[in-house]
Amino acid sequence: MAETTRFAPSPTGYLHLGHAYSTLFAYRAKGAGGRFLLRIEDIDRTRCRPEFEAAILEDLAWLGLRWEEPVRRQSEHMDEYRAALGQLEAAGLLYPCFCTRAEIAAEIARSGAAPHGPDGPVYPGTCRHLVEQDRTVRRNAGKPFALRLDVARSMARAGHLTWHDRGRGQIEARPERFGDIVLARKETPTSYHLSVTLDDALQRVTLVTRGADLFEATHIHRLLQALLGLPTPDYHHHALVRDVDGKRLAKRDEAPTLRALRASGKTPEEVGAMAGLS
């Protein structure tokens, strides 16, 4: 079956074996006659660097992959994310949160509970109860804030939601478990959750393949699809590549990069086998 799949790395470092597995998994999943897209997720302008993007393109071409042009770069589409954010705000589904990370941590500690979601400890909803006048005064005073999704109100509007994972079957969406997530900050009109959901719809992705570490985030993305009137693709959350100690490969842990493997004389076929895809 022909699919439209994608690989969406962030240019914050060099690709490693885990990325090789993920991109080859997506490339094969497109099937005969399918489309393979490359998206550069570069909304974090403090960590993303052009040399890493250039290296991503070089590494993927060395692996023998071909993708449709043009490559979508999130930094070039802020107006689209801003429009989606405005749609949610106009529906009364967002509220400004003025809490600092320290204040949130202190509130969680006082409550004696620390449930976690895809973005860390679940926000306790402190600013959800601010009156509109207080919100306006704080915003006009220039106090930093994040825009959070009122998940309870959003779920009441969206109703019962499900999504299909090709490895796990039909899944009931339970985004309320993760609290009122941040969709944007004062200086950046998007977040990972908002941008990836909108991107997949605008690029007409029919099958989202990504690591099992992002499985929980799909509960949130399914809710955003319903609120924004977007189609729901199929998903396949694949296994993660781990080191000899069972630890997931990560850039921050200086996992062996594709550049280093290539320099050592490894072939694309050998790298594919090392990643677990022969």
Protein backbone atom coordinates (compact mmCIF):
# COMPACT_ATOMS: atom_id res chain seq x y z
CA MET A 1 0.00 0.00 0.00
CA ALA A 2 1.40 3.39 -0.99
CA GLU A 3 1.69 5.88 1.86
CA THR A 4 3.01 9.37 2.46
CA THR A 5 5.58 9.16 5.25
CA ARG A 6 8.10 11.59 6.64
CA PHE A 7 11.29 11.94 8.65
CA ALA A 8 11.40 15.08 10.79
CA PRO A 9 14.73 15.66 12.57
CA SER A 10 15.75 18.71 14.57
CA PRO A 11 19.12 20.20 13.48
CA THR A 12 20.54 20.32 17.00
CA GLY A 13 23.30 17.78 16.44
CA TYR A 14 24.52 15.06 14.10
CA LEU A 15 22.41 12.02 13.21
CA HIS A 16 23.18 8.71 14.93
CA LEU A 17 22.11 5.08 14.53
CA GLY A 18 18.73 5.75 16.13
CA HIS A 19 18.00 8.34 13.45
CA ALA A 20 19.16 5.92 10.76
CA TYR A 21 16.67 3.34 12.00
CA SER A 22 13.84 5.87 12.17
CA THR A 23 14.40 7.33 8.72
CA LEU A 24 14.88 3.93 7.05
CA PHE A 25 11.75 2.66 8.81
CA ALA A 26 9.76 5.62 7.43
CA TYR A 27 11.30 5.27 3.97
CA ARG A 28 10.37 1.59 3.71
CA ALA A 29 6.90 2.18 5.17
CA LYS A 30 5.92 4.42 2.24
CA GLY A 31 5.60 1.33 0.07
CA ALA A 32 5.87 1.08 -3.69
CA GLY A 33 4.79 4.33 -5.31
CA GLY A 34 4.54 6.13 -1.97
CA ARG A 35 5.90 9.56 -1.04
CA PHE A 36 8.74 10.22 1.41
CA LEU A 37 9.05 13.71 2.87
CA LEU A 38 11.80 15.42 4.84
CA ARG A 39 10.90 18.08 7.38
CA ILE A 40 13.38 20.12 9.41
CA GLU A 41 11.94 20.88 12.85
CA ASP A 42 13.91 24.01 13.68
CA ILE A 43 11.61 26.08 15.90
CA ASP A 44 14.22 26.10 18.69
CA ARG A 45 16.41 28.83 17.27
CA THR A 46 18.78 28.76 20.25
CA ARG A 47 19.89 25.16 19.57
CA CYS A 48 19.34 24.64 15.84
CA ARG A 49 22.32 25.34 13.59
CA PRO A 50 22.66 25.43 9.79
CA GLU A 51 25.71 23.16 9.81
CA PHE A 52 23.67 20.43 11.48
CA GLU A 53 20.95 20.78 8.86
CA ALA A 54 23.53 20.51 6.08
CA ALA A 55 24.92 17.38 7.76
CA ILE A 56 21.44 15.83 7.97
CA LEU A 57 20.92 16.24 4.23
CA GLU A 58 24.38 14.81 3.53
CA ASP A 59 23.89 11.80 5.82
CA LEU A 60 20.48 10.91 4.40
CA ALA A 61 21.74 11.17 0.82
CA TRP A 62 24.67 8.90 1.77
CA LEU A 63 22.17 6.35 3.10
CA GLY A 64 20.66 6.33 -0.39
CA LEU A 65 17.41 8.13 0.51
CA ARG A 66 15.54 10.47 -1.80
CA TRP A 67 12.82 12.83 -0.67
CA GLU A 68 10.38 15.21 -2.29
CA GLU A 69 11.38 18.83 -2.63
CA PRO A 70 11.01 21.36 -1.22
CA VAL A 71 12.06 20.41 2.29
CA ARG A 72 9.67 21.96 4.81
CA ARG A 73 11.42 24.02 7.48
CA GLN A 74 9.25 24.93 10.44
CA SER A 75 11.00 28.27 10.94
CA GLU A 76 9.57 29.38 7.57
CA HIS A 77 5.95 28.70 8.56
CA MET A 78 5.40 30.62 11.78
CA ASP A 79 2.41 32.44 10.27
CA GLU A 80 0.62 29.12 9.77
CA TYR A 81 1.20 28.10 13.38
CA ARG A 82 0.12 31.54 14.56
CA ALA A 83 -3.13 31.19 12.59
CA ALA A 84 -3.88 27.79 14.16
CA LEU A 85 -3.13 29.21 17.58
CA GLY A 86 -5.52 32.09 16.87
CA GLN A 87 -8.23 29.60 15.92
CA LEU A 88 -7.90 27.86 19.26
CA GLU A 89 -7.77 31.12 21.18
CA ALA A 90 -10.88 32.44 19.42
CA ALA A 91 -12.69 29.27 20.50
CA GLY A 92 -11.83 30.00 24.13
CA LEU A 93 -9.61 26.95 24.46
CA LEU A 94 -6.36 28.68 25.47
CA TYR A 95 -5.32 30.67 28.50
CA PRO A 96 -2.11 32.55 29.40
CA CYS A 97 0.05 30.96 32.08
CA PHE A 98 2.41 33.28 33.94
CA CYS A 99 3.94 30.60 36.20
CA THR A 100 7.69 30.09 36.17
CA ARG A 101 9.11 26.57 36.18
CA ALA A 102 10.13 27.06 39.83
CA GLU A 103 6.61 28.11 40.78
CA ILE A 104 5.13 25.10 39.01
CA ALA A 105 7.57 22.75 40.75
CA ALA A 106 6.74 24.30 44.13
CA GLU A 107 3.00 23.94 43.54
CA ILE A 108 3.41 20.30 42.55
CA ALA A 109 5.52 19.67 45.66
CA ARG A 110 2.85 21.24 47.86
CA SER A 111 0.17 19.05 46.30
CA GLY A 112 2.16 15.92 47.07
CA ALA A 113 1.60 14.53 43.55
CA ALA A 114 3.91 14.51 40.56
CA PRO A 115 2.25 12.81 37.58
CA HIS A 116 4.23 13.07 34.35
CA GLY A 117 3.23 13.63 30.74
CA PRO A 118 5.14 13.99 27.46
CA ASP A 119 6.56 17.34 28.58
CA GLY A 120 7.45 16.42 32.17
CA PRO A 121 5.46 16.98 35.39
CA VAL A 122 1.78 17.70 34.73
CA TYR A 123 0.90 21.37 35.18
CA PRO A 124 -1.45 21.81 38.19
CA GLY A 125 -3.66 24.39 36.43
CA THR A 126 -2.76 27.39 38.61
CA CYS A 127 -3.39 30.12 36.01
CA ARG A 128 -6.48 28.45 34.58
CA HIS A 129 -8.51 30.10 37.33
CA LEU A 130 -7.29 33.67 36.85
CA VAL A 131 -10.04 36.16 36.05
CA GLU A 132 -9.85 37.84 32.65
CA GLN A 133 -9.02 41.25 34.10
CA ASP A 134 -6.00 39.84 35.94
CA ARG A 135 -4.82 38.13 32.77
CA THR A 136 -5.14 41.34 30.78
CA VAL A 137 -3.24 43.40 33.35
CA ARG A 138 -0.37 40.92 33.45
CA ARG A 139 -0.12 40.65 29.67
CA ASN A 140 -0.22 44.42 29.22
CA ALA A 141 2.54 44.76 31.81
CA GLY A 142 4.74 42.58 29.63
CA LYS A 143 4.99 39.66 32.04
CA PRO A 144 6.28 36.53 30.23
CA PHE A 145 3.65 33.88 29.64
CA ALA A 146 2.91 30.64 27.86
CA LEU A 147 -0.35 29.79 26.15
CA ARG A 148 -1.79 26.55 27.52
CA LEU A 149 -4.55 24.41 26.10
CA ASP A 150 -7.51 24.00 28.46
CA VAL A 151 -7.69 20.25 27.98
CA ALA A 152 -10.89 19.66 29.96
CA ARG A 153 -12.77 22.27 27.95
CA SER A 154 -11.20 20.96 24.74
CA MET A 155 -12.23 17.39 25.46
CA ALA A 156 -15.78 18.53 26.19
CA ARG A 157 -15.84 20.11 22.73
CA ALA A 158 -14.11 17.25 20.89
CA GLY A 159 -15.89 14.30 22.51
CA HIS A 160 -14.65 10.72 22.41
CA LEU A 161 -11.53 10.30 20.27
CA THR A 162 -9.50 7.36 19.04
CA TRP A 163 -6.52 6.79 16.79
CA HIS A 164 -4.93 3.74 15.17
CA ASP A 165 -1.41 2.50 15.77
CA ARG A 166 -0.25 -0.24 13.42
CA GLY A 167 1.76 -1.87 16.16
CA ARG A 168 -0.79 -1.59 18.98
CA GLY A 169 -4.22 -1.36 17.34
CA GLN A 170 -7.04 1.06 18.12
CA ILE A 171 -6.14 3.49 20.90
CA GLU A 172 -8.52 5.61 22.97
CA ALA A 173 -7.20 9.17 23.21
CA ARG A 174 -6.68 10.26 26.83
CA PRO A 175 -4.96 13.67 26.63
CA GLU A 176 -6.46 14.74 29.95
CA ARG A 177 -3.83 12.61 31.68
CA PHE A 178 -1.16 15.09 30.65
CA GLY A 179 -2.70 18.33 31.91
CA ASP A 180 -2.93 21.69 30.17
CA ILE A 181 0.03 21.53 27.80
CA VAL A 182 1.92 24.54 26.45
CA LEU A 183 1.15 25.29 22.79
CA ALA A 184 3.16 28.51 22.49
CA ARG A 185 5.18 31.04 24.41
CA LYS A 186 5.14 34.80 24.20
CA GLU A 187 8.21 34.86 21.94
CA THR A 188 7.41 31.74 19.88
CA PRO A 189 3.97 31.16 18.31
CA THR A 190 4.18 27.37 18.40
CA SER A 191 5.40 24.28 20.22
CA TYR A 192 6.34 20.79 19.13
CA HIS A 193 2.79 19.54 19.66
CA LEU A 194 1.11 22.26 17.62
CA SER A 195 3.65 22.46 14.79
CA VAL A 196 4.01 18.71 14.21
CA THR A 197 0.23 18.20 14.17
CA LEU A 198 -0.30 21.01 11.68
CA ASP A 199 2.70 20.01 9.55
CA ASP A 200 1.55 16.42 9.15
CA ALA A 201 -1.87 17.63 7.98
CA LEU A 202 -0.54 20.29 5.60
CA GLN A 203 1.94 17.81 4.10
CA ARG A 204 -0.84 15.21 3.71
CA VAL A 205 1.06 12.57 5.68
CA THR A 206 -0.98 9.36 5.79
CA LEU A 207 1.32 7.32 8.05
CA VAL A 208 3.33 8.87 10.89
CA THR A 209 6.23 6.63 11.88
CA ARG A 210 8.27 7.63 14.91
CA GLY A 211 9.86 6.20 18.04
CA ALA A 212 7.92 4.62 20.88
CA ASP A 213 9.09 7.46 23.13
CA LEU A 214 6.58 9.71 21.32
CA PHE A 215 3.62 7.36 21.73
CA GLU A 216 2.12 9.34 24.62
CA ALA A 217 2.35 12.62 22.70
CA THR A 218 -0.05 11.20 20.12
CA HIS A 219 -2.90 11.47 22.63
CA ILE A 220 -2.38 15.24 22.54
CA HIS A 221 -1.98 15.39 18.77
CA ARG A 222 -5.24 13.53 18.27
CA LEU A 223 -7.05 16.17 20.34
CA LEU A 224 -5.47 19.01 18.36
CA GLN A 225 -6.54 17.35 15.10
CA ALA A 226 -10.14 17.30 16.31
CA LEU A 227 -10.08 20.91 17.50
CA LEU A 228 -8.51 22.24 14.29
CA GLY A 229 -10.54 20.08 11.89
CA LEU A 230 -7.49 18.17 10.63
CA PRO A 231 -7.36 14.61 9.25
CA THR A 232 -6.00 11.82 11.43
CA PRO A 233 -3.25 9.70 9.87
CA ASP A 234 -2.32 6.19 10.90
CA TYR A 235 0.60 5.86 13.30
CA HIS A 236 3.35 3.32 13.84
CA HIS A 237 5.53 3.89 16.89
CA HIS A 238 8.57 1.73 16.35
CA ALA A 239 11.07 0.30 18.83
CA LEU A 240 14.04 2.43 19.88
CA VAL A 241 17.66 1.63 19.12
CA ARG A 242 19.57 1.02 22.35
CA ASP A 243 23.21 0.59 23.33
CA VAL A 244 24.75 -2.53 24.86
CA ASP A 245 23.49 -1.43 28.30
CA GLY A 246 19.92 -1.06 27.03
CA LYS A 247 19.98 2.73 27.10
CA ARG A 248 18.27 4.61 24.28
CA LEU A 249 20.69 6.31 21.88
CA ALA A 250 20.58 10.10 22.19
CA LYS A 251 22.51 13.12 20.93
CA ARG A 252 23.15 14.35 24.47
CA ASP A 253 24.91 11.08 25.30
CA GLU A 254 27.18 11.41 22.27
CA ALA A 255 25.86 8.33 20.51
CA PRO A 256 28.03 7.27 17.52
CA THR A 257 27.16 9.56 14.64
CA LEU A 258 26.59 8.56 11.04
CA ARG A 259 29.40 10.93 10.05
CA ALA A 260 31.83 9.08 12.31
CA LEU A 261 30.68 5.68 11.07
CA ARG A 262 31.04 6.83 7.48
CA ALA A 263 34.54 8.17 8.19
CA SER A 264 35.48 4.83 9.73
CA GLY A 265 34.71 3.10 6.43
CA LYS A 266 31.25 1.72 7.15
CA THR A 267 28.92 1.35 4.17
CA PRO A 268 25.25 2.41 4.15
CA GLU A 269 24.29 -1.27 4.17
CA GLU A 270 26.46 -1.92 7.23
CA VAL A 271 24.97 1.05 9.05
CA GLY A 272 21.47 -0.17 8.24
CA ALA A 273 22.35 -3.58 9.69
CA MET A 274 23.88 -1.97 12.78
CA ALA A 275 20.69 0.01 13.30
CA GLY A 276 18.65 -3.18 13.11
CA LEU A 277 17.34 -2.89 9.55
CA SER A 278 19.16 -5.27 7.23
